[in-house]
Amino acid sequence: EKDAEGHYLDVRCLATTKFVNKDNPNQITRYSG
């Protein structure tokens, strides 16, 4: 569920999981995406 601008409505979304920024691979070094 997102608003018109594409922001997540459910606060539990970003408070539960970190969405990897795949456009900036240097942000997080990990085995997978």
Full PDB file with SEQRES, HELIX, SHEET, SSBOND, CRYST1, ORIGX, SCALE, CONECT and MASTER records, all heavy atoms in Angstrom:
SEQRES   1 A   33  GLU LYS ASP ALA GLU GLY HIS TYR LEU ASP VAL ARG CYS          
SEQRES   2 A   33  LEU ALA THR THR LYS PHE VAL ASN LYS ASP ASN PRO ASN          
SEQRES   3 A   33  GLN ILE THR ARG TYR SER GLY                                  
HELIX    1 AA1 VAL A   11  THR A   16  1                                   6    
CRYST1    1.000    1.000    1.000  90.00  90.00  90.00 P 1           1          
ORIGX1      1.000000  0.000000  0.000000        0.00000                         
ORIGX2      0.000000  1.000000  0.000000        0.00000                         
ORIGX3      0.000000  0.000000  1.000000        0.00000                         
SCALE1      1.000000  0.000000  0.000000        0.00000                         
SCALE2      0.000000  1.000000  0.000000        0.00000                         
SCALE3      0.000000  0.000000  1.000000        0.00000                         
ATOM      1  N   GLU A   1       0.848  -1.196   0.000  1.00  0.00           N  
ATOM      2  CA  GLU A   1       0.000   0.000   0.000  1.00  0.00           C  
ATOM      3  C   GLU A   1       0.881   1.242   0.000  1.00  0.00           C  
ATOM      4  O   GLU A   1       1.679   1.456   0.916  1.00  0.00           O  
ATOM      5  CB  GLU A   1      -0.934  -0.016   1.212  1.00  0.00           C  
ATOM      6  CG  GLU A   1      -1.893  -1.209   1.202  1.00  0.00           C  
ATOM      7  CD  GLU A   1      -2.951  -1.136   2.272  1.00  0.00           C  
ATOM      8  OE1 GLU A   1      -3.570  -0.060   2.421  1.00  0.00           O  
ATOM      9  OE2 GLU A   1      -3.151  -2.143   2.961  1.00  0.00           O  
ATOM     10  N   LYS A   2       0.724   2.069  -1.030  1.00  0.00           N  
ATOM     11  CA  LYS A   2       1.531   3.282  -1.198  1.00  0.00           C  
ATOM     12  C   LYS A   2       0.614   4.465  -1.473  1.00  0.00           C  
ATOM     13  O   LYS A   2      -0.520   4.308  -1.931  1.00  0.00           O  
ATOM     14  CB  LYS A   2       2.520   3.112  -2.362  1.00  0.00           C  
ATOM     15  CG  LYS A   2       3.496   1.960  -2.213  1.00  0.00           C  
ATOM     16  CD  LYS A   2       4.423   1.891  -3.423  1.00  0.00           C  
ATOM     17  CE  LYS A   2       5.423   0.753  -3.303  1.00  0.00           C  
ATOM     18  NZ  LYS A   2       4.765  -0.568  -3.361  1.00  0.00           N  
ATOM     19  N   ASP A   3       1.117   5.657  -1.206  1.00  0.00           N  
ATOM     20  CA  ASP A   3       0.348   6.862  -1.531  1.00  0.00           C  
ATOM     21  C   ASP A   3       0.624   7.253  -2.985  1.00  0.00           C  
ATOM     22  O   ASP A   3       1.342   6.555  -3.712  1.00  0.00           O  
ATOM     23  CB  ASP A   3       0.681   8.004  -0.563  1.00  0.00           C  
ATOM     24  CG  ASP A   3       2.144   8.435  -0.636  1.00  0.00           C  
ATOM     25  OD1 ASP A   3       2.824   8.131  -1.642  1.00  0.00           O  
ATOM     26  OD2 ASP A   3       2.608   9.088   0.319  1.00  0.00           O  
ATOM     27  N   ALA A   4       0.073   8.385  -3.403  1.00  0.00           N  
ATOM     28  CA  ALA A   4       0.176   8.810  -4.803  1.00  0.00           C  
ATOM     29  C   ALA A   4       1.621   9.062  -5.233  1.00  0.00           C  
ATOM     30  O   ALA A   4       1.963   8.916  -6.408  1.00  0.00           O  
ATOM     31  CB  ALA A   4      -0.657  10.079  -5.024  1.00  0.00           C  
ATOM     32  N   GLU A   5       2.478   9.433  -4.268  1.00  0.00           N  
ATOM     33  CA  GLU A   5       3.889   9.694  -4.582  1.00  0.00           C  
ATOM     34  C   GLU A   5       4.745   8.435  -4.494  1.00  0.00           C  
ATOM     35  O   GLU A   5       5.964   8.483  -4.702  1.00  0.00           O  
ATOM     36  CB  GLU A   5       4.459  10.761  -3.631  1.00  0.00           C  
ATOM     37  CG  GLU A   5       3.965  12.186  -3.904  1.00  0.00           C  
ATOM     38  CD  GLU A   5       2.537  12.378  -3.425  1.00  0.00           C  
ATOM     39  OE1 GLU A   5       2.184  11.776  -2.384  1.00  0.00           O  
ATOM     40  OE2 GLU A   5       1.779  13.104  -4.103  1.00  0.00           O  
ATOM     41  N   GLY A   6       4.130   7.304  -4.165  1.00  0.00           N  
ATOM     42  CA  GLY A   6       4.878   6.065  -4.095  1.00  0.00           C  
ATOM     43  C   GLY A   6       5.509   5.778  -2.751  1.00  0.00           C  
ATOM     44  O   GLY A   6       6.320   4.855  -2.623  1.00  0.00           O  
ATOM     45  N   HIS A   7       5.152   6.562  -1.728  1.00  0.00           N  
ATOM     46  CA  HIS A   7       5.685   6.324  -0.395  1.00  0.00           C  
ATOM     47  C   HIS A   7       4.885   5.211   0.292  1.00  0.00           C  
ATOM     48  O   HIS A   7       3.666   5.118   0.139  1.00  0.00           O  
ATOM     49  CB  HIS A   7       5.612   7.602   0.455  1.00  0.00           C  
ATOM     50  CG  HIS A   7       6.391   8.741  -0.129  1.00  0.00           C  
ATOM     51  ND1 HIS A   7       5.825   9.966  -0.395  1.00  0.00           N  
ATOM     52  CD2 HIS A   7       7.681   8.836  -0.522  1.00  0.00           C  
ATOM     53  CE1 HIS A   7       6.726  10.774  -0.904  1.00  0.00           C  
ATOM     54  NE2 HIS A   7       7.863  10.099  -0.998  1.00  0.00           N  
ATOM     55  N   TYR A   8       5.570   4.401   1.070  1.00  0.00           N  
ATOM     56  CA  TYR A   8       4.908   3.306   1.760  1.00  0.00           C  
ATOM     57  C   TYR A   8       3.984   3.845   2.854  1.00  0.00           C  
ATOM     58  O   TYR A   8       4.378   4.671   3.675  1.00  0.00           O  
ATOM     59  CB  TYR A   8       5.938   2.367   2.389  1.00  0.00           C  
ATOM     60  CG  TYR A   8       6.866   1.726   1.391  1.00  0.00           C  
ATOM     61  CD1 TYR A   8       8.206   2.077   1.335  1.00  0.00           C  
ATOM     62  CD2 TYR A   8       6.395   0.782   0.491  1.00  0.00           C  
ATOM     63  CE1 TYR A   8       9.064   1.504   0.403  1.00  0.00           C  
ATOM     64  CE2 TYR A   8       7.240   0.202  -0.448  1.00  0.00           C  
ATOM     65  CZ  TYR A   8       8.573   0.571  -0.484  1.00  0.00           C  
ATOM     66  OH  TYR A   8       9.407   0.001  -1.407  1.00  0.00           O  
ATOM     67  N   LEU A   9       2.735   3.378   2.862  1.00  0.00           N  
ATOM     68  CA  LEU A   9       1.783   3.812   3.882  1.00  0.00           C  
ATOM     69  C   LEU A   9       1.985   3.068   5.197  1.00  0.00           C  
ATOM     70  O   LEU A   9       1.762   3.618   6.274  1.00  0.00           O  
ATOM     71  CB  LEU A   9       0.355   3.598   3.376  1.00  0.00           C  
ATOM     72  CG  LEU A   9      -0.098   4.495   2.215  1.00  0.00           C  
ATOM     73  CD1 LEU A   9      -1.484   4.076   1.737  1.00  0.00           C  
ATOM     74  CD2 LEU A   9      -0.099   5.961   2.638  1.00  0.00           C  
ATOM     75  N   ASP A  10       2.388   1.813   5.107  1.00  0.00           N  
ATOM     76  CA  ASP A  10       2.532   0.975   6.298  1.00  0.00           C  
ATOM     77  C   ASP A  10       3.857   1.278   6.979  1.00  0.00           C  
ATOM     78  O   ASP A  10       4.927   0.980   6.451  1.00  0.00           O  
ATOM     79  CB  ASP A  10       2.461  -0.504   5.897  1.00  0.00           C  
ATOM     80  CG  ASP A  10       2.240  -1.420   7.087  1.00  0.00           C  
ATOM     81  OD1 ASP A  10       2.661  -1.069   8.205  1.00  0.00           O  
ATOM     82  OD2 ASP A  10       1.651  -2.503   6.885  1.00  0.00           O  
ATOM     83  N   VAL A  11       3.796   1.870   8.169  1.00  0.00           N  
ATOM     84  CA  VAL A  11       5.012   2.243   8.881  1.00  0.00           C  
ATOM     85  C   VAL A  11       5.866   1.029   9.212  1.00  0.00           C  
ATOM     86  O   VAL A  11       7.086   1.135   9.366  1.00  0.00           O  
ATOM     87  CB  VAL A  11       4.667   3.025  10.166  1.00  0.00           C  
ATOM     88  CG1 VAL A  11       4.002   2.108  11.192  1.00  0.00           C  
ATOM     89  CG2 VAL A  11       5.909   3.663  10.775  1.00  0.00           C  
ATOM     90  N   ARG A  12       5.245  -0.140   9.283  1.00  0.00           N  
ATOM     91  CA  ARG A  12       5.992  -1.344   9.630  1.00  0.00           C  
ATOM     92  C   ARG A  12       6.929  -1.782   8.519  1.00  0.00           C  
ATOM     93  O   ARG A  12       7.857  -2.562   8.747  1.00  0.00           O  
ATOM     94  CB  ARG A  12       5.013  -2.479   9.965  1.00  0.00           C  
ATOM     95  CG  ARG A  12       4.158  -2.189  11.185  1.00  0.00           C  
ATOM     96  CD  ARG A  12       3.016  -3.172  11.314  1.00  0.00           C  
ATOM     97  NE  ARG A  12       2.099  -3.132  10.188  1.00  0.00           N  
ATOM     98  CZ  ARG A  12       0.953  -3.810  10.136  1.00  0.00           C  
ATOM     99  NH1 ARG A  12       0.602  -4.575  11.155  1.00  0.00           N  
ATOM    100  NH2 ARG A  12       0.167  -3.725   9.076  1.00  0.00           N  
ATOM    101  N   CYS A  13       6.704  -1.274   7.320  1.00  0.00           N  
ATOM    102  CA  CYS A  13       7.527  -1.680   6.176  1.00  0.00           C  
ATOM    103  C   CYS A  13       8.993  -1.326   6.400  1.00  0.00           C  
ATOM    104  O   CYS A  13       9.853  -2.203   6.531  1.00  0.00           O  
ATOM    105  CB  CYS A  13       7.000  -1.026   4.904  1.00  0.00           C  
ATOM    106  SG  CYS A  13       7.908  -1.479   3.419  1.00  0.00           S  
ATOM    107  N   LEU A  14       9.295  -0.040   6.468  1.00  0.00           N  
ATOM    108  CA  LEU A  14      10.685   0.394   6.588  1.00  0.00           C  
ATOM    109  C   LEU A  14      11.222   0.223   8.003  1.00  0.00           C  
ATOM    110  O   LEU A  14      12.434   0.362   8.217  1.00  0.00           O  
ATOM    111  CB  LEU A  14      10.821   1.841   6.137  1.00  0.00           C  
ATOM    112  CG  LEU A  14      10.485   2.098   4.663  1.00  0.00           C  
ATOM    113  CD1 LEU A  14      10.668   3.569   4.308  1.00  0.00           C  
ATOM    114  CD2 LEU A  14      11.331   1.229   3.748  1.00  0.00           C  
ATOM    115  N   ALA A  15      10.354  -0.053   8.970  1.00  0.00           N  
ATOM    116  CA  ALA A  15      10.825  -0.323  10.326  1.00  0.00           C  
ATOM    117  C   ALA A  15      11.128  -1.807  10.532  1.00  0.00           C  
ATOM    118  O   ALA A  15      11.660  -2.186  11.572  1.00  0.00           O  
ATOM    119  CB  ALA A  15       9.777   0.129  11.342  1.00  0.00           C  
ATOM    120  N   THR A  16      10.791  -2.631   9.549  1.00  0.00           N  
ATOM    121  CA  THR A  16      11.027  -4.073   9.644  1.00  0.00           C  
ATOM    122  C   THR A  16      12.173  -4.517   8.755  1.00  0.00           C  
ATOM    123  O   THR A  16      13.005  -5.331   9.146  1.00  0.00           O  
ATOM    124  CB  THR A  16       9.748  -4.848   9.262  1.00  0.00           C  
ATOM    125  OG1 THR A  16       8.691  -4.489  10.155  1.00  0.00           O  
ATOM    126  CG2 THR A  16       9.985  -6.350   9.335  1.00  0.00           C  
ATOM    127  N   THR A  17      12.228  -3.981   7.549  1.00  0.00           N  
ATOM    128  CA  THR A  17      13.239  -4.425   6.590  1.00  0.00           C  
ATOM    129  C   THR A  17      13.929  -3.234   5.943  1.00  0.00           C  
ATOM    130  O   THR A  17      13.304  -2.197   5.709  1.00  0.00           O  
ATOM    131  CB  THR A  17      12.626  -5.323   5.505  1.00  0.00           C  
ATOM    132  OG1 THR A  17      13.645  -5.829   4.662  1.00  0.00           O  
ATOM    133  CG2 THR A  17      11.606  -4.572   4.683  1.00  0.00           C  
ATOM    134  N   LYS A  18      15.209  -3.376   5.690  1.00  0.00           N  
ATOM    135  CA  LYS A  18      15.987  -2.341   5.010  1.00  0.00           C  
ATOM    136  C   LYS A  18      15.995  -2.636   3.523  1.00  0.00           C  
ATOM    137  O   LYS A  18      16.433  -3.706   3.098  1.00  0.00           O  
ATOM    138  CB  LYS A  18      17.424  -2.329   5.543  1.00  0.00           C  
ATOM    139  CG  LYS A  18      18.383  -1.427   4.773  1.00  0.00           C  
ATOM    140  CD  LYS A  18      18.057   0.042   4.972  1.00  0.00           C  
ATOM    141  CE  LYS A  18      19.080   0.915   4.246  1.00  0.00           C  
ATOM    142  NZ  LYS A  18      18.775   2.344   4.376  1.00  0.00           N  
ATOM    143  N   PHE A  19      15.505  -1.697   2.721  1.00  0.00           N  
ATOM    144  CA  PHE A  19      15.497  -1.875   1.277  1.00  0.00           C  
ATOM    145  C   PHE A  19      16.845  -1.426   0.718  1.00  0.00           C  
ATOM    146  O   PHE A  19      17.222  -0.266   0.821  1.00  0.00           O  
ATOM    147  CB  PHE A  19      14.358  -1.073   0.640  1.00  0.00           C  
ATOM    148  CG  PHE A  19      13.008  -1.687   0.857  1.00  0.00           C  
ATOM    149  CD1 PHE A  19      12.848  -2.810   1.655  1.00  0.00           C  
ATOM    150  CD2 PHE A  19      11.886  -1.148   0.261  1.00  0.00           C  
ATOM    151  CE1 PHE A  19      11.604  -3.379   1.844  1.00  0.00           C  
ATOM    152  CE2 PHE A  19      10.624  -1.711   0.455  1.00  0.00           C  
ATOM    153  CZ  PHE A  19      10.494  -2.831   1.252  1.00  0.00           C  
ATOM    154  N   VAL A  20      17.547  -2.363   0.133  1.00  0.00           N  
ATOM    155  CA  VAL A  20      18.870  -2.087  -0.405  1.00  0.00           C  
ATOM    156  C   VAL A  20      18.754  -1.151  -1.606  1.00  0.00           C  
ATOM    157  O   VAL A  20      17.925  -1.353  -2.482  1.00  0.00           O  
ATOM    158  CB  VAL A  20      19.567  -3.400  -0.811  1.00  0.00           C  
ATOM    159  CG1 VAL A  20      20.909  -3.101  -1.471  1.00  0.00           C  
ATOM    160  CG2 VAL A  20      19.766  -4.293   0.396  1.00  0.00           C  
ATOM    161  N   ASN A  21      19.594  -0.155  -1.637  1.00  0.00           N  
ATOM    162  CA  ASN A  21      19.646   0.769  -2.770  1.00  0.00           C  
ATOM    163  C   ASN A  21      20.507   0.146  -3.867  1.00  0.00           C  
ATOM    164  O   ASN A  21      21.731   0.242  -3.854  1.00  0.00           O  
ATOM    165  CB  ASN A  21      20.228   2.110  -2.322  1.00  0.00           C  
ATOM    166  CG  ASN A  21      20.239   3.128  -3.442  1.00  0.00           C  
ATOM    167  OD1 ASN A  21      19.915   2.820  -4.592  1.00  0.00           O  
ATOM    168  ND2 ASN A  21      20.603   4.362  -3.117  1.00  0.00           N  
ATOM    169  N   LYS A  22      19.875  -0.507  -4.808  1.00  0.00           N  
ATOM    170  CA  LYS A  22      20.626  -1.227  -5.841  1.00  0.00           C  
ATOM    171  C   LYS A  22      21.315  -0.286  -6.825  1.00  0.00           C  
ATOM    172  O   LYS A  22      22.182  -0.698  -7.584  1.00  0.00           O  
ATOM    173  CB  LYS A  22      19.691  -2.193  -6.573  1.00  0.00           C  
ATOM    174  CG  LYS A  22      19.144  -3.285  -5.655  1.00  0.00           C  
ATOM    175  CD  LYS A  22      18.223  -4.221  -6.411  1.00  0.00           C  
ATOM    176  CE  LYS A  22      17.752  -5.370  -5.509  1.00  0.00           C  
ATOM    177  NZ  LYS A  22      16.960  -4.909  -4.383  1.00  0.00           N  
ATOM    178  N   ASP A  23      20.917   1.008  -6.821  1.00  0.00           N  
ATOM    179  CA  ASP A  23      21.583   1.973  -7.680  1.00  0.00           C  
ATOM    180  C   ASP A  23      22.887   2.485  -7.062  1.00  0.00           C  
ATOM    181  O   ASP A  23      23.665   3.168  -7.718  1.00  0.00           O  
ATOM    182  CB  ASP A  23      20.654   3.159  -7.964  1.00  0.00           C  
ATOM    183  CG  ASP A  23      19.417   2.738  -8.751  1.00  0.00           C  
ATOM    184  OD1 ASP A  23      19.551   1.806  -9.579  1.00  0.00           O  
ATOM    185  OD2 ASP A  23      18.350   3.327  -8.528  1.00  0.00           O  
ATOM    186  N   ASN A  24      23.078   2.166  -5.792  1.00  0.00           N  
ATOM    187  CA  ASN A  24      24.292   2.599  -5.104  1.00  0.00           C  
ATOM    188  C   ASN A  24      24.896   1.395  -4.391  1.00  0.00           C  
ATOM    189  O   ASN A  24      24.749   1.233  -3.190  1.00  0.00           O  
ATOM    190  CB  ASN A  24      23.972   3.715  -4.103  1.00  0.00           C  
ATOM    191  CG  ASN A  24      25.228   4.247  -3.418  1.00  0.00           C  
ATOM    192  OD1 ASN A  24      26.340   3.867  -3.763  1.00  0.00           O  
ATOM    193  ND2 ASN A  24      25.031   5.128  -2.442  1.00  0.00           N  
ATOM    194  N   PRO A  25      25.564   0.522  -5.131  1.00  0.00           N  
ATOM    195  CA  PRO A  25      26.062  -0.722  -4.554  1.00  0.00           C  
ATOM    196  C   PRO A  25      27.082  -0.511  -3.452  1.00  0.00           C  
ATOM    197  O   PRO A  25      27.344  -1.420  -2.665  1.00  0.00           O  
ATOM    198  CB  PRO A  25      26.680  -1.440  -5.760  1.00  0.00           C  
ATOM    199  CG  PRO A  25      26.992  -0.356  -6.741  1.00  0.00           C  
ATOM    200  CD  PRO A  25      25.922   0.663  -6.546  1.00  0.00           C  
ATOM    201  N   ASN A  26      27.677   0.682  -3.374  1.00  0.00           N  
ATOM    202  CA  ASN A  26      28.659   0.933  -2.322  1.00  0.00           C  
ATOM    203  C   ASN A  26      28.005   1.228  -0.969  1.00  0.00           C  
ATOM    204  O   ASN A  26      28.684   1.306   0.044  1.00  0.00           O  
ATOM    205  CB  ASN A  26      29.565   2.116  -2.708  1.00  0.00           C  
ATOM    206  CG  ASN A  26      30.429   1.790  -3.904  1.00  0.00           C  
ATOM    207  OD1 ASN A  26      30.905   0.670  -4.042  1.00  0.00           O  
ATOM    208  ND2 ASN A  26      30.621   2.770  -4.782  1.00  0.00           N  
ATOM    209  N   GLN A  27      26.697   1.415  -0.996  1.00  0.00           N  
ATOM    210  CA  GLN A  27      26.004   1.714   0.255  1.00  0.00           C  
ATOM    211  C   GLN A  27      26.109   0.540   1.217  1.00  0.00           C  
ATOM    212  O   GLN A  27      26.320   0.709   2.406  1.00  0.00           O  
ATOM    213  CB  GLN A  27      24.529   2.038  -0.010  1.00  0.00           C  
ATOM    214  CG  GLN A  27      23.741   2.386   1.260  1.00  0.00           C  
ATOM    215  CD  GLN A  27      22.262   2.583   0.963  1.00  0.00           C  
ATOM    216  OE1 GLN A  27      21.732   2.023   0.010  1.00  0.00           O  
ATOM    217  NE2 GLN A  27      21.595   3.379   1.772  1.00  0.00           N  
ATOM    218  N   ILE A  28      25.949  -0.667   0.709  1.00  0.00           N  
ATOM    219  CA  ILE A  28      26.021  -1.865   1.533  1.00  0.00           C  
ATOM    220  C   ILE A  28      26.774  -2.935   0.772  1.00  0.00           C  
ATOM    221  O   ILE A  28      26.475  -3.200  -0.397  1.00  0.00           O  
ATOM    222  CB  ILE A  28      24.617  -2.385   1.896  1.00  0.00           C  
ATOM    223  CG1 ILE A  28      23.859  -1.348   2.727  1.00  0.00           C  
ATOM    224  CG2 ILE A  28      24.700  -3.705   2.660  1.00  0.00           C  
ATOM    225  CD1 ILE A  28      22.425  -1.715   2.967  1.00  0.00           C  
ATOM    226  N   THR A  29      27.757  -3.529   1.412  1.00  0.00           N  
ATOM    227  CA  THR A  29      28.487  -4.634   0.805  1.00  0.00           C  
ATOM    228  C   THR A  29      27.913  -5.933   1.334  1.00  0.00           C  
ATOM    229  O   THR A  29      27.941  -6.197   2.533  1.00  0.00           O  
ATOM    230  CB  THR A  29      29.983  -4.557   1.162  1.00  0.00           C  
ATOM    231  OG1 THR A  29      30.483  -3.291   0.733  1.00  0.00           O  
ATOM    232  CG2 THR A  29      30.758  -5.664   0.474  1.00  0.00           C  
ATOM    233  N   ARG A  30      27.363  -6.739   0.446  1.00  0.00           N  
ATOM    234  CA  ARG A  30      26.723  -7.971   0.870  1.00  0.00           C  
ATOM    235  C   ARG A  30      26.848  -9.010  -0.237  1.00  0.00           C  
ATOM    236  O   ARG A  30      27.298  -8.722  -1.345  1.00  0.00           O  
ATOM    237  CB  ARG A  30      25.262  -7.744   1.249  1.00  0.00           C  
ATOM    238  CG  ARG A  30      24.398  -7.206   0.105  1.00  0.00           C  
ATOM    239  CD  ARG A  30      22.953  -7.034   0.535  1.00  0.00           C  
ATOM    240  NE  ARG A  30      22.263  -8.305   0.572  1.00  0.00           N  
ATOM    241  CZ  ARG A  30      22.007  -8.975   1.672  1.00  0.00           C  
ATOM    242  NH1 ARG A  30      22.409  -8.543   2.821  1.00  0.00           N  
ATOM    243  NH2 ARG A  30      21.353 -10.113   1.633  1.00  0.00           N  
ATOM    244  N   TYR A  31      26.444 -10.216   0.072  1.00  0.00           N  
ATOM    245  CA  TYR A  31      26.570 -11.287  -0.899  1.00  0.00           C  
ATOM    246  C   TYR A  31      25.547 -11.181  -2.013  1.00  0.00           C  
ATOM    247  O   TYR A  31      25.784 -11.611  -3.118  1.00  0.00           O  
ATOM    248  CB  TYR A  31      26.409 -12.643  -0.194  1.00  0.00           C  
ATOM    249  CG  TYR A  31      27.494 -12.926   0.810  1.00  0.00           C  
ATOM    250  CD1 TYR A  31      27.191 -13.103   2.146  1.00  0.00           C  
ATOM    251  CD2 TYR A  31      28.821 -13.023   0.423  1.00  0.00           C  
ATOM    252  CE1 TYR A  31      28.176 -13.374   3.074  1.00  0.00           C  
ATOM    253  CE2 TYR A  31      29.816 -13.289   1.346  1.00  0.00           C  
ATOM    254  CZ  TYR A  31      29.494 -13.461   2.671  1.00  0.00           C  
ATOM    255  OH  TYR A  31      30.465 -13.727   3.578  1.00  0.00           O  
ATOM    256  N   SER A  32      24.371 -10.666  -1.695  1.00  0.00           N  
ATOM    257  CA  SER A  32      23.310 -10.611  -2.692  1.00  0.00           C  
ATOM    258  C   SER A  32      22.587  -9.281  -2.591  1.00  0.00           C  
ATOM    259  O   SER A  32      22.899  -8.448  -1.756  1.00  0.00           O  
ATOM    260  CB  SER A  32      22.314 -11.764  -2.484  1.00  0.00           C  
ATOM    261  OG  SER A  32      21.541 -11.526  -1.324  1.00  0.00           O  
ATOM    262  N   GLY A  33      21.584  -9.094  -3.408  1.00  0.00           N  
ATOM    263  CA  GLY A  33      20.842  -7.848  -3.391  1.00  0.00           C  
ATOM    264  C   GLY A  33      19.563  -7.920  -2.592  1.00  0.00           C  
ATOM    265  O   GLY A  33      18.714  -7.065  -2.705  1.00  0.00           O  
TER     266      GLY A  33                                                      
MASTER        0    0    0    1    0    0    0    6  265    1    0    3          
END                                                                             
